[in-house]
Amino acid sequence: MTNVLRVVGPSGSGKTLLIISLVEALRTRDWRVATVVRREALETVIFDSEVSQQLNAGAASTVIMLANGGRVTLERIMPLPSLSAVIASLDPGIDLLLAEGFEDSGYPAIELLTPTNQSTNTADTDLLAVVSAEEFAGTFSTFGPGETKGLADLIERKILDAEPDVSMEITIDDQPVPAMGFVKDMIAKPILVMVEQLKGVEIPRSIRLNIRRRRDK
């Protein structure tokens, strides 16, 4: 079954922008991501003239964007279980469906909070993360789509069940020292995550860290 992640929040909070950014971030990590949005949840999205006319005329209730760039419009609103089944049949290779405007419980959700709305409406059992709409809007305007490394990491771990394959070599005073599994988990992975949060740093293939200790005089 297709993994589903809802993006929820008040109208105008930036749900569509967050989805655009997450799609960009996850696709750079080779995940196939589709999106679906209910018509009444559409925010500022650029469509071609044909789709714009359909939406203005009320012909489309649901808009689906597939991972391959294909678009499907439906003239009715469907619950997420039915939609995820339809999308899986259209593209069985899709890893994640990002859904905007759906309140179906039982699916994990990222909720956007605005300065005037600081209370979450998502059940604790479904809430994956809370995002400040103001902070994200500033990040998006400065760095563009894809600058959501922390959320992308969280989605990989919690939704896509993916752990990075990390190797580590330790050399102490020019002598190699074997690194056991728990040492790698305690050192390599936290460092990798912290480095990925640095602005302007892409996903690193390798990191070299030199630590020197001065002798006491």
N, C-alpha and C. Protein backbone atom coordinates (compact mmCIF):
# COMPACT_ATOMS: atom_id res chain seq x y z
N MET A 1 0.85 -1.19 0.00
CA MET A 1 0.00 0.00 0.00
C MET A 1 0.88 1.25 0.00
N THR A 2 0.45 2.28 -0.72
CA THR A 2 1.22 3.51 -0.82
C THR A 2 1.29 4.23 0.53
N ASN A 3 2.49 4.69 0.89
CA ASN A 3 2.64 5.50 2.10
C ASN A 3 1.97 6.85 1.89
N VAL A 4 1.21 7.30 2.88
CA VAL A 4 0.48 8.56 2.78
C VAL A 4 0.90 9.49 3.91
N LEU A 5 1.15 10.75 3.58
CA LEU A 5 1.45 11.77 4.58
C LEU A 5 0.59 12.99 4.30
N ARG A 6 -0.21 13.40 5.28
CA ARG A 6 -1.06 14.58 5.10
C ARG A 6 -0.31 15.85 5.51
N VAL A 7 -0.60 16.94 4.82
CA VAL A 7 -0.12 18.26 5.20
C VAL A 7 -1.35 19.10 5.50
N VAL A 8 -1.47 19.55 6.75
CA VAL A 8 -2.70 20.22 7.18
C VAL A 8 -2.35 21.57 7.80
N GLY A 9 -3.35 22.42 7.91
CA GLY A 9 -3.18 23.74 8.50
C GLY A 9 -4.25 24.68 8.00
N PRO A 10 -4.32 25.88 8.58
CA PRO A 10 -5.33 26.86 8.16
C PRO A 10 -5.14 27.28 6.71
N SER A 11 -6.19 27.77 6.10
CA SER A 11 -6.11 28.28 4.74
C SER A 11 -5.08 29.40 4.65
N GLY A 12 -4.22 29.35 3.65
CA GLY A 12 -3.21 30.37 3.49
C GLY A 12 -1.96 30.18 4.33
N SER A 13 -1.84 29.06 5.03
CA SER A 13 -0.69 28.86 5.92
C SER A 13 0.55 28.39 5.17
N GLY A 14 0.39 27.99 3.91
CA GLY A 14 1.56 27.58 3.13
C GLY A 14 1.67 26.08 2.92
N LYS A 15 0.55 25.39 2.98
CA LYS A 15 0.58 23.94 2.80
C LYS A 15 1.13 23.54 1.44
N THR A 16 0.68 24.25 0.40
CA THR A 16 1.13 23.92 -0.95
C THR A 16 2.63 24.16 -1.11
N LEU A 17 3.13 25.27 -0.55
CA LEU A 17 4.56 25.55 -0.62
C LEU A 17 5.37 24.48 0.11
N LEU A 18 4.86 24.03 1.25
CA LEU A 18 5.57 22.99 2.00
C LEU A 18 5.61 21.70 1.20
N ILE A 19 4.51 21.35 0.55
CA ILE A 19 4.47 20.15 -0.27
C ILE A 19 5.46 20.26 -1.43
N ILE A 20 5.49 21.41 -2.09
CA ILE A 20 6.44 21.62 -3.19
C ILE A 20 7.87 21.41 -2.70
N SER A 21 8.18 21.95 -1.53
CA SER A 21 9.52 21.84 -0.99
C SER A 21 9.86 20.40 -0.61
N LEU A 22 8.89 19.69 -0.03
CA LEU A 22 9.13 18.30 0.35
C LEU A 22 9.31 17.41 -0.88
N VAL A 23 8.52 17.66 -1.91
CA VAL A 23 8.66 16.89 -3.15
C VAL A 23 10.07 17.07 -3.71
N GLU A 24 10.54 18.31 -3.73
CA GLU A 24 11.88 18.59 -4.25
C GLU A 24 12.95 17.88 -3.42
N ALA A 25 12.83 17.99 -2.10
CA ALA A 25 13.83 17.40 -1.22
C ALA A 25 13.86 15.88 -1.34
N LEU A 26 12.69 15.25 -1.40
CA LEU A 26 12.63 13.79 -1.44
C LEU A 26 13.02 13.24 -2.81
N ARG A 27 12.69 13.98 -3.86
CA ARG A 27 13.06 13.51 -5.20
C ARG A 27 14.57 13.55 -5.39
N THR A 28 15.25 14.50 -4.76
CA THR A 28 16.71 14.53 -4.86
C THR A 28 17.33 13.33 -4.15
N ARG A 29 16.54 12.67 -3.30
CA ARG A 29 17.00 11.46 -2.61
C ARG A 29 16.48 10.19 -3.30
N ASP A 30 15.98 10.39 -4.52
CA ASP A 30 15.53 9.27 -5.38
C ASP A 30 14.24 8.60 -4.90
N TRP A 31 13.40 9.33 -4.15
CA TRP A 31 12.08 8.82 -3.81
C TRP A 31 11.08 9.30 -4.85
N ARG A 32 10.15 8.43 -5.20
CA ARG A 32 9.09 8.79 -6.14
C ARG A 32 7.89 9.29 -5.33
N VAL A 33 7.56 10.57 -5.53
CA VAL A 33 6.54 11.22 -4.71
C VAL A 33 5.41 11.72 -5.59
N ALA A 34 4.17 11.42 -5.18
CA ALA A 34 2.98 11.96 -5.84
C ALA A 34 2.26 12.87 -4.85
N THR A 35 1.43 13.77 -5.37
CA THR A 35 0.67 14.67 -4.51
C THR A 35 -0.80 14.64 -4.90
N VAL A 36 -1.65 14.92 -3.93
CA VAL A 36 -3.08 15.03 -4.21
C VAL A 36 -3.64 16.17 -3.36
N VAL A 37 -4.52 16.97 -3.95
CA VAL A 37 -5.11 18.09 -3.23
C VAL A 37 -6.58 18.18 -3.56
N ARG A 38 -7.39 18.40 -2.53
CA ARG A 38 -8.81 18.64 -2.74
C ARG A 38 -9.01 20.05 -3.27
N ARG A 39 -9.99 20.23 -4.13
CA ARG A 39 -10.17 21.51 -4.81
C ARG A 39 -10.35 22.67 -3.84
N GLU A 40 -11.13 22.47 -2.78
CA GLU A 40 -11.37 23.59 -1.88
C GLU A 40 -10.16 23.91 -1.02
N ALA A 41 -9.12 23.03 -1.08
CA ALA A 41 -7.91 23.27 -0.30
C ALA A 41 -6.83 23.93 -1.12
N LEU A 42 -7.05 24.16 -2.40
CA LEU A 42 -6.02 24.72 -3.26
C LEU A 42 -5.64 26.12 -2.80
N GLU A 43 -4.35 26.36 -2.73
CA GLU A 43 -3.88 27.69 -2.37
C GLU A 43 -3.27 28.32 -3.63
N THR A 44 -2.12 28.88 -3.57
CA THR A 44 -1.52 29.55 -4.72
C THR A 44 -0.73 28.54 -5.52
N VAL A 45 -1.33 27.99 -6.57
CA VAL A 45 -0.68 27.02 -7.43
C VAL A 45 -0.82 27.49 -8.86
N ILE A 46 0.21 27.32 -9.65
CA ILE A 46 0.18 27.75 -11.04
C ILE A 46 -0.23 26.57 -11.91
N PHE A 47 -1.33 26.69 -12.62
CA PHE A 47 -1.81 25.67 -13.55
C PHE A 47 -1.79 26.24 -14.96
N ASP A 48 -1.86 25.36 -15.94
CA ASP A 48 -2.03 25.84 -17.30
C ASP A 48 -3.47 26.30 -17.48
N SER A 49 -3.75 26.96 -18.59
CA SER A 49 -5.05 27.60 -18.77
C SER A 49 -6.19 26.59 -18.76
N GLU A 50 -5.95 25.40 -19.32
CA GLU A 50 -7.03 24.40 -19.40
C GLU A 50 -7.46 23.97 -18.02
N VAL A 51 -6.48 23.67 -17.15
CA VAL A 51 -6.82 23.24 -15.79
C VAL A 51 -7.44 24.38 -15.00
N SER A 52 -6.93 25.58 -15.20
CA SER A 52 -7.51 26.73 -14.51
C SER A 52 -8.98 26.89 -14.86
N GLN A 53 -9.33 26.71 -16.14
CA GLN A 53 -10.72 26.81 -16.55
C GLN A 53 -11.56 25.72 -15.91
N GLN A 54 -11.01 24.52 -15.82
CA GLN A 54 -11.74 23.42 -15.19
C GLN A 54 -12.01 23.73 -13.73
N LEU A 55 -10.99 24.25 -13.02
CA LEU A 55 -11.17 24.55 -11.61
C LEU A 55 -12.17 25.68 -11.42
N ASN A 56 -12.07 26.71 -12.25
CA ASN A 56 -12.99 27.83 -12.13
C ASN A 56 -14.43 27.41 -12.42
N ALA A 57 -14.57 26.44 -13.30
CA ALA A 57 -15.90 25.98 -13.66
C ALA A 57 -16.44 24.95 -12.67
N GLY A 58 -15.60 24.55 -11.71
CA GLY A 58 -16.05 23.58 -10.72
C GLY A 58 -16.01 22.16 -11.23
N ALA A 59 -15.30 21.90 -12.34
CA ALA A 59 -15.29 20.56 -12.91
C ALA A 59 -14.39 19.61 -12.14
N ALA A 60 -13.32 20.13 -11.51
CA ALA A 60 -12.36 19.27 -10.83
C ALA A 60 -12.48 19.44 -9.32
N SER A 61 -12.64 18.32 -8.62
CA SER A 61 -12.71 18.35 -7.17
C SER A 61 -11.40 17.89 -6.55
N THR A 62 -10.63 17.11 -7.29
CA THR A 62 -9.37 16.57 -6.78
C THR A 62 -8.32 16.63 -7.88
N VAL A 63 -7.13 17.09 -7.54
CA VAL A 63 -6.04 17.17 -8.50
C VAL A 63 -4.91 16.26 -8.02
N ILE A 64 -4.49 15.33 -8.87
CA ILE A 64 -3.42 14.39 -8.56
C ILE A 64 -2.24 14.68 -9.47
N MET A 65 -1.05 14.83 -8.88
CA MET A 65 0.19 14.97 -9.64
C MET A 65 1.03 13.73 -9.38
N LEU A 66 1.32 12.97 -10.44
CA LEU A 66 2.10 11.75 -10.31
C LEU A 66 3.59 12.05 -10.30
N ALA A 67 4.38 11.07 -9.89
CA ALA A 67 5.82 11.26 -9.79
C ALA A 67 6.45 11.52 -11.15
N ASN A 68 5.84 11.01 -12.21
CA ASN A 68 6.40 11.18 -13.56
C ASN A 68 5.96 12.49 -14.21
N GLY A 69 5.25 13.34 -13.46
CA GLY A 69 4.78 14.61 -13.99
C GLY A 69 3.38 14.56 -14.57
N GLY A 70 2.80 13.39 -14.67
CA GLY A 70 1.44 13.26 -15.16
C GLY A 70 0.43 13.84 -14.18
N ARG A 71 -0.69 14.31 -14.70
CA ARG A 71 -1.72 14.93 -13.87
C ARG A 71 -3.06 14.29 -14.15
N VAL A 72 -3.79 14.05 -13.08
CA VAL A 72 -5.13 13.49 -13.18
C VAL A 72 -6.07 14.39 -12.39
N THR A 73 -7.20 14.76 -12.99
CA THR A 73 -8.21 15.53 -12.26
C THR A 73 -9.48 14.70 -12.15
N LEU A 74 -10.07 14.72 -10.97
CA LEU A 74 -11.29 13.97 -10.70
C LEU A 74 -12.42 14.93 -10.40
N GLU A 75 -13.61 14.59 -10.83
CA GLU A 75 -14.76 15.47 -10.62
C GLU A 75 -15.50 15.14 -9.33
N ARG A 76 -14.85 14.43 -8.47
CA ARG A 76 -15.46 14.10 -7.19
C ARG A 76 -14.38 14.03 -6.12
N ILE A 77 -14.80 14.07 -4.89
CA ILE A 77 -13.89 13.96 -3.76
C ILE A 77 -13.92 12.53 -3.25
N MET A 78 -12.75 11.94 -3.09
CA MET A 78 -12.64 10.56 -2.64
C MET A 78 -11.86 10.52 -1.34
N PRO A 79 -12.17 9.57 -0.46
CA PRO A 79 -11.39 9.42 0.77
C PRO A 79 -9.99 8.90 0.45
N LEU A 80 -9.07 9.13 1.36
CA LEU A 80 -7.68 8.76 1.12
C LEU A 80 -7.46 7.28 0.82
N PRO A 81 -8.15 6.35 1.48
CA PRO A 81 -7.92 4.94 1.14
C PRO A 81 -8.21 4.65 -0.33
N SER A 82 -9.30 5.20 -0.85
CA SER A 82 -9.63 4.98 -2.26
C SER A 82 -8.64 5.68 -3.17
N LEU A 83 -8.26 6.91 -2.80
CA LEU A 83 -7.32 7.67 -3.63
C LEU A 83 -5.95 7.00 -3.69
N SER A 84 -5.46 6.54 -2.56
CA SER A 84 -4.15 5.90 -2.56
C SER A 84 -4.15 4.64 -3.39
N ALA A 85 -5.29 3.92 -3.40
CA ALA A 85 -5.40 2.73 -4.23
C ALA A 85 -5.40 3.10 -5.71
N VAL A 86 -6.11 4.19 -6.07
CA VAL A 86 -6.14 4.64 -7.45
C VAL A 86 -4.75 5.05 -7.91
N ILE A 87 -4.06 5.82 -7.07
CA ILE A 87 -2.73 6.31 -7.43
C ILE A 87 -1.73 5.16 -7.54
N ALA A 88 -1.84 4.19 -6.65
CA ALA A 88 -0.95 3.01 -6.73
C ALA A 88 -1.18 2.24 -8.01
N SER A 89 -2.42 2.22 -8.49
CA SER A 89 -2.70 1.52 -9.74
C SER A 89 -2.16 2.30 -10.94
N LEU A 90 -2.15 3.64 -10.85
CA LEU A 90 -1.62 4.46 -11.93
C LEU A 90 -0.10 4.39 -11.99
N ASP A 91 0.53 4.34 -10.83
CA ASP A 91 1.99 4.27 -10.76
C ASP A 91 2.38 3.43 -9.55
N PRO A 92 2.55 2.11 -9.75
CA PRO A 92 2.88 1.22 -8.63
C PRO A 92 4.21 1.54 -7.97
N GLY A 93 5.07 2.32 -8.63
CA GLY A 93 6.38 2.62 -8.09
C GLY A 93 6.42 3.81 -7.16
N ILE A 94 5.28 4.45 -6.89
CA ILE A 94 5.26 5.62 -6.02
C ILE A 94 5.57 5.22 -4.58
N ASP A 95 6.51 5.94 -3.96
CA ASP A 95 6.90 5.65 -2.58
C ASP A 95 6.06 6.40 -1.56
N LEU A 96 5.62 7.62 -1.92
CA LEU A 96 4.93 8.45 -0.94
C LEU A 96 3.89 9.31 -1.63
N LEU A 97 2.73 9.43 -0.99
CA LEU A 97 1.67 10.33 -1.45
C LEU A 97 1.52 11.45 -0.43
N LEU A 98 1.76 12.70 -0.86
CA LEU A 98 1.55 13.86 -0.01
C LEU A 98 0.16 14.41 -0.28
N ALA A 99 -0.66 14.48 0.75
CA ALA A 99 -2.07 14.84 0.58
C ALA A 99 -2.38 16.15 1.30
N GLU A 100 -2.96 17.10 0.57
CA GLU A 100 -3.35 18.39 1.14
C GLU A 100 -4.86 18.52 1.16
N GLY A 101 -5.38 18.94 2.31
CA GLY A 101 -6.81 19.19 2.41
C GLY A 101 -7.61 18.00 2.86
N PHE A 102 -6.95 16.97 3.40
CA PHE A 102 -7.65 15.77 3.82
C PHE A 102 -7.58 15.64 5.34
N GLU A 103 -8.72 15.40 5.94
CA GLU A 103 -8.80 15.28 7.39
C GLU A 103 -8.97 13.83 7.82
N ASP A 104 -8.75 12.88 6.92
CA ASP A 104 -8.91 11.47 7.25
C ASP A 104 -7.98 11.10 8.40
N SER A 105 -8.56 10.62 9.50
CA SER A 105 -7.73 10.21 10.63
C SER A 105 -7.07 8.87 10.32
N GLY A 106 -6.03 8.57 11.08
CA GLY A 106 -5.32 7.32 10.86
C GLY A 106 -4.14 7.44 9.94
N TYR A 107 -3.91 8.64 9.39
CA TYR A 107 -2.77 8.90 8.52
C TYR A 107 -1.87 9.94 9.17
N PRO A 108 -0.55 9.75 9.13
CA PRO A 108 0.35 10.75 9.73
C PRO A 108 0.20 12.10 9.05
N ALA A 109 0.49 13.15 9.82
CA ALA A 109 0.29 14.50 9.29
C ALA A 109 1.37 15.45 9.79
N ILE A 110 1.73 16.40 8.93
CA ILE A 110 2.53 17.56 9.32
C ILE A 110 1.57 18.74 9.38
N GLU A 111 1.56 19.44 10.50
CA GLU A 111 0.62 20.55 10.66
C GLU A 111 1.36 21.88 10.71
N LEU A 112 0.87 22.83 9.93
CA LEU A 112 1.40 24.19 9.90
C LEU A 112 0.63 25.05 10.89
N LEU A 113 1.36 25.81 11.70
CA LEU A 113 0.75 26.73 12.65
C LEU A 113 1.07 28.15 12.25
N THR A 114 0.08 29.04 12.37
CA THR A 114 0.25 30.45 12.04
C THR A 114 0.30 31.27 13.33
N PRO A 115 0.74 32.54 13.27
CA PRO A 115 0.77 33.37 14.49
C PRO A 115 -0.59 33.49 15.16
N THR A 116 -1.66 33.42 14.39
CA THR A 116 -3.01 33.55 14.97
C THR A 116 -3.63 32.20 15.30
N ASN A 117 -2.95 31.14 14.94
CA ASN A 117 -3.48 29.80 15.22
C ASN A 117 -2.32 28.93 15.69
N GLN A 118 -2.13 28.87 17.01
CA GLN A 118 -1.01 28.14 17.60
C GLN A 118 -1.42 26.82 18.23
N SER A 119 -2.65 26.41 17.99
CA SER A 119 -3.13 25.14 18.55
C SER A 119 -3.26 24.11 17.44
N THR A 120 -2.74 22.92 17.70
CA THR A 120 -2.84 21.86 16.70
C THR A 120 -4.24 21.24 16.73
N ASN A 121 -4.71 20.85 15.56
CA ASN A 121 -6.01 20.19 15.45
C ASN A 121 -5.87 18.71 15.10
N THR A 122 -4.64 18.25 14.91
CA THR A 122 -4.38 16.87 14.54
C THR A 122 -4.26 16.01 15.78
N ALA A 123 -4.82 14.82 15.74
CA ALA A 123 -4.71 13.89 16.87
C ALA A 123 -3.24 13.57 17.12
N ASP A 124 -2.88 13.44 18.39
CA ASP A 124 -1.49 13.18 18.74
C ASP A 124 -0.97 11.91 18.08
N THR A 125 -1.84 10.93 17.91
CA THR A 125 -1.41 9.67 17.30
C THR A 125 -1.07 9.83 15.82
N ASP A 126 -1.59 10.89 15.18
CA ASP A 126 -1.33 11.13 13.75
C ASP A 126 -0.26 12.19 13.52
N LEU A 127 0.03 12.99 14.53
CA LEU A 127 0.90 14.15 14.33
C LEU A 127 2.36 13.73 14.20
N LEU A 128 2.93 13.96 13.03
CA LEU A 128 4.34 13.64 12.79
C LEU A 128 5.23 14.82 13.14
N ALA A 129 4.82 16.03 12.78
CA ALA A 129 5.63 17.22 13.04
C ALA A 129 4.76 18.46 13.00
N VAL A 130 5.22 19.50 13.67
CA VAL A 130 4.57 20.81 13.65
C VAL A 130 5.55 21.80 13.06
N VAL A 131 5.07 22.62 12.12
CA VAL A 131 5.92 23.57 11.41
C VAL A 131 5.36 24.97 11.58
N SER A 132 6.22 25.93 11.88
CA SER A 132 5.82 27.32 11.94
C SER A 132 5.67 27.86 10.52
N ALA A 133 4.49 28.32 10.18
CA ALA A 133 4.24 28.83 8.84
C ALA A 133 5.14 30.02 8.54
N GLU A 134 5.34 30.90 9.52
CA GLU A 134 6.19 32.08 9.31
C GLU A 134 7.63 31.69 9.04
N GLU A 135 8.17 30.79 9.86
CA GLU A 135 9.57 30.38 9.68
C GLU A 135 9.76 29.68 8.35
N PHE A 136 8.81 28.81 8.00
CA PHE A 136 8.97 28.09 6.73
C PHE A 136 8.87 29.03 5.54
N ALA A 137 7.94 30.00 5.60
CA ALA A 137 7.80 30.96 4.50
C ALA A 137 9.09 31.74 4.30
N GLY A 138 9.75 32.11 5.40
CA GLY A 138 11.01 32.82 5.30
C GLY A 138 12.10 31.95 4.69
N THR A 139 12.15 30.68 5.11
CA THR A 139 13.14 29.75 4.55
C THR A 139 12.90 29.54 3.07
N PHE A 140 11.64 29.39 2.69
CA PHE A 140 11.30 29.13 1.29
C PHE A 140 11.68 30.33 0.42
N SER A 141 11.37 31.54 0.89
CA SER A 141 11.66 32.73 0.09
C SER A 141 13.16 32.96 -0.04
N THR A 142 13.93 32.53 0.96
CA THR A 142 15.38 32.75 0.93
C THR A 142 16.11 31.67 0.16
N PHE A 143 15.75 30.41 0.42
CA PHE A 143 16.51 29.29 -0.14
C PHE A 143 15.77 28.52 -1.22
N GLY A 144 14.48 28.79 -1.40
CA GLY A 144 13.73 28.11 -2.44
C GLY A 144 13.26 26.73 -1.99
N PRO A 145 12.62 25.99 -2.90
CA PRO A 145 12.10 24.66 -2.56
C PRO A 145 13.22 23.68 -2.29
N GLY A 146 12.92 22.71 -1.46
CA GLY A 146 13.89 21.68 -1.14
C GLY A 146 14.64 21.90 0.14
N GLU A 147 14.52 23.09 0.76
CA GLU A 147 15.25 23.40 1.98
C GLU A 147 14.45 22.90 3.19
N THR A 148 14.22 21.61 3.22
CA THR A 148 13.46 20.98 4.31
C THR A 148 14.16 19.70 4.73
N LYS A 149 15.47 19.77 4.94
CA LYS A 149 16.26 18.58 5.20
C LYS A 149 15.79 17.84 6.46
N GLY A 150 15.51 18.61 7.53
CA GLY A 150 15.09 17.97 8.76
C GLY A 150 13.80 17.19 8.59
N LEU A 151 12.81 17.80 7.91
CA LEU A 151 11.54 17.11 7.67
C LEU A 151 11.74 15.91 6.74
N ALA A 152 12.57 16.08 5.72
CA ALA A 152 12.83 14.98 4.79
C ALA A 152 13.47 13.81 5.53
N ASP A 153 14.41 14.10 6.44
CA ASP A 153 15.02 13.04 7.24
C ASP A 153 13.98 12.32 8.08
N LEU A 154 13.10 13.11 8.71
CA LEU A 154 12.06 12.54 9.55
C LEU A 154 11.12 11.65 8.75
N ILE A 155 10.74 12.10 7.56
CA ILE A 155 9.84 11.32 6.71
C ILE A 155 10.52 10.02 6.29
N GLU A 156 11.79 10.10 5.96
CA GLU A 156 12.51 8.87 5.58
C GLU A 156 12.52 7.87 6.72
N ARG A 157 12.75 8.35 7.94
CA ARG A 157 12.84 7.43 9.08
C ARG A 157 11.48 6.89 9.49
N LYS A 158 10.49 7.79 9.60
CA LYS A 158 9.21 7.41 10.20
C LYS A 158 8.19 6.87 9.19
N ILE A 159 8.24 7.37 7.95
CA ILE A 159 7.23 6.99 6.96
C ILE A 159 7.79 5.99 5.95
N LEU A 160 8.97 6.29 5.44
CA LEU A 160 9.54 5.45 4.39
C LEU A 160 10.43 4.34 4.95
N ASP A 161 10.64 4.37 6.28
CA ASP A 161 11.38 3.31 6.95
C ASP A 161 12.76 3.11 6.33
N ALA A 162 13.45 4.22 6.13
CA ALA A 162 14.77 4.15 5.48
C ALA A 162 15.83 4.70 6.42
N GLU A 163 16.85 3.93 6.66
CA GLU A 163 18.00 4.37 7.42
C GLU A 163 19.19 4.46 6.48
N PRO A 164 19.95 5.55 6.52
CA PRO A 164 21.11 5.65 5.64
C PRO A 164 22.15 4.59 5.96
N ASP A 165 22.75 4.05 4.92
CA ASP A 165 23.83 3.09 5.10
C ASP A 165 25.11 3.87 5.34
N VAL A 166 25.51 3.93 6.60
CA VAL A 166 26.63 4.77 7.00
C VAL A 166 27.81 3.90 7.40
N SER A 167 28.98 4.21 6.86
CA SER A 167 30.22 3.55 7.28
C SER A 167 31.11 4.58 7.95
N MET A 168 32.03 4.11 8.79
CA MET A 168 32.88 5.04 9.52
C MET A 168 34.24 4.41 9.75
N GLU A 169 35.27 5.22 9.56
CA GLU A 169 36.63 4.81 9.87
C GLU A 169 37.20 5.76 10.91
N ILE A 170 37.83 5.20 11.93
CA ILE A 170 38.42 6.02 12.99
C ILE A 170 39.93 5.79 13.00
N THR A 171 40.67 6.89 12.99
CA THR A 171 42.12 6.82 13.11
C THR A 171 42.54 7.68 14.30
N ILE A 172 43.22 7.08 15.24
CA ILE A 172 43.66 7.78 16.44
C ILE A 172 45.19 7.76 16.47
N ASP A 173 45.77 8.95 16.46
CA ASP A 173 47.24 9.08 16.43
C ASP A 173 47.82 8.23 15.31
N ASP A 174 47.19 8.35 14.13
CA ASP A 174 47.65 7.69 12.90
C ASP A 174 47.47 6.17 12.92
N GLN A 175 46.76 5.66 13.90
CA GLN A 175 46.52 4.22 13.96
C GLN A 175 45.02 3.95 13.78
N PRO A 176 44.67 3.08 12.81
CA PRO A 176 43.24 2.77 12.62
C PRO A 176 42.68 2.00 13.81
N VAL A 177 41.47 2.36 14.18
CA VAL A 177 40.79 1.73 15.32
C VAL A 177 39.46 1.18 14.82
N PRO A 178 39.17 -0.10 15.07
CA PRO A 178 37.88 -0.64 14.60
C PRO A 178 36.71 0.04 15.31
N ALA A 179 35.66 0.32 14.54
CA ALA A 179 34.46 0.97 15.08
C ALA A 179 33.33 -0.05 15.13
N MET A 180 32.90 -0.37 16.33
CA MET A 180 31.79 -1.31 16.50
C MET A 180 30.47 -0.64 16.12
N GLY A 181 29.43 -1.44 15.96
CA GLY A 181 28.14 -0.93 15.49
C GLY A 181 27.58 0.19 16.34
N PHE A 182 27.62 0.02 17.68
CA PHE A 182 27.02 1.05 18.53
C PHE A 182 27.82 2.35 18.50
N VAL A 183 29.15 2.25 18.26
CA VAL A 183 29.96 3.46 18.14
C VAL A 183 29.57 4.22 16.88
N LYS A 184 29.37 3.50 15.79
CA LYS A 184 28.94 4.14 14.55
C LYS A 184 27.59 4.83 14.74
N ASP A 185 26.67 4.17 15.42
CA ASP A 185 25.35 4.76 15.64
C ASP A 185 25.43 6.01 16.51
N MET A 186 26.37 6.03 17.47
CA MET A 186 26.48 7.15 18.40
C MET A 186 27.25 8.32 17.81
N ILE A 187 28.16 8.04 16.86
CA ILE A 187 29.03 9.11 16.34
C ILE A 187 28.67 9.49 14.92
N ALA A 188 28.72 8.52 14.01
CA ALA A 188 28.60 8.83 12.58
C ALA A 188 27.23 9.39 12.22
N LYS A 189 26.16 8.72 12.64
CA LYS A 189 24.83 9.16 12.22
C LYS A 189 24.45 10.52 12.78
N PRO A 190 24.70 10.81 14.08
CA PRO A 190 24.39 12.16 14.56
C PRO A 190 25.18 13.24 13.85
N ILE A 191 26.47 12.99 13.56
CA ILE A 191 27.27 13.98 12.84
C ILE A 191 26.70 14.20 11.44
N LEU A 192 26.33 13.11 10.78
CA LEU A 192 25.77 13.21 9.43
C LEU A 192 24.50 14.06 9.44
N VAL A 193 23.64 13.83 10.40
CA VAL A 193 22.39 14.59 10.49
C VAL A 193 22.67 16.06 10.76
N MET A 194 23.60 16.36 11.67
CA MET A 194 23.90 17.75 12.00
C MET A 194 24.50 18.50 10.80
N VAL A 195 25.40 17.83 10.07
CA VAL A 195 26.03 18.47 8.92
C VAL A 195 24.99 18.77 7.84
N GLU A 196 24.02 17.87 7.66
CA GLU A 196 23.00 18.07 6.64
C GLU A 196 22.11 19.26 6.94
N GLN A 197 22.09 19.71 8.20
CA GLN A 197 21.27 20.87 8.56
C GLN A 197 21.97 22.19 8.26
N LEU A 198 23.26 22.16 7.95
CA LEU A 198 23.99 23.40 7.65
C LEU A 198 23.49 24.01 6.36
N LYS A 199 23.26 25.30 6.36
CA LYS A 199 22.75 25.99 5.18
C LYS A 199 23.75 25.89 4.04
N GLY A 200 23.25 25.58 2.87
CA GLY A 200 24.08 25.51 1.70
C GLY A 200 24.79 24.19 1.51
N VAL A 201 24.58 23.22 2.42
CA VAL A 201 25.24 21.92 2.31
C VAL A 201 24.27 20.93 1.68
N GLU A 202 24.68 20.32 0.59
CA GLU A 202 23.88 19.27 -0.01
C GLU A 202 24.06 17.98 0.78
N ILE A 203 23.41 16.90 0.36
CA ILE A 203 23.56 15.63 1.06
C ILE A 203 24.99 15.14 0.87
N PRO A 204 25.80 15.07 1.94
CA PRO A 204 27.21 14.73 1.78
C PRO A 204 27.43 13.23 1.53
N ARG A 205 28.40 12.92 0.70
CA ARG A 205 28.79 11.53 0.48
C ARG A 205 29.83 11.09 1.51
N SER A 206 30.63 12.03 1.97
CA SER A 206 31.61 11.70 3.00
C SER A 206 31.91 12.96 3.80
N ILE A 207 32.33 12.76 5.05
CA ILE A 207 32.67 13.86 5.94
C ILE A 207 34.01 13.52 6.60
N ARG A 208 34.91 14.48 6.60
CA ARG A 208 36.19 14.30 7.30
C ARG A 208 36.23 15.27 8.45
N LEU A 209 36.40 14.75 9.66
CA LEU A 209 36.40 15.56 10.88
C LEU A 209 37.69 15.30 11.63
N ASN A 210 38.48 16.35 11.83
CA ASN A 210 39.73 16.25 12.58
C ASN A 210 39.56 16.90 13.94
N ILE A 211 39.84 16.18 15.00
CA ILE A 211 39.77 16.71 16.36
C ILE A 211 41.15 16.59 16.97
N ARG A 212 41.69 17.71 17.45
CA ARG A 212 43.02 17.70 18.06
C ARG A 212 42.92 18.17 19.51
N ARG A 213 43.69 17.55 20.35
CA ARG A 213 43.71 17.94 21.76
C ARG A 213 45.10 18.47 22.11
N ARG A 214 45.14 19.66 22.65
CA ARG A 214 46.43 20.22 23.05
C ARG A 214 46.90 19.60 24.35
N ARG A 215 48.17 19.33 24.43
CA ARG A 215 48.71 18.81 25.67
C ARG A 215 48.80 19.91 26.72
N ASP A 216 48.53 19.53 27.93
CA ASP A 216 48.66 20.50 29.03
C ASP A 216 50.14 20.81 29.25
N LYS A 217 50.43 22.07 29.48
CA LYS A 217 51.83 22.46 29.72
C LYS A 217 52.21 22.21 31.16
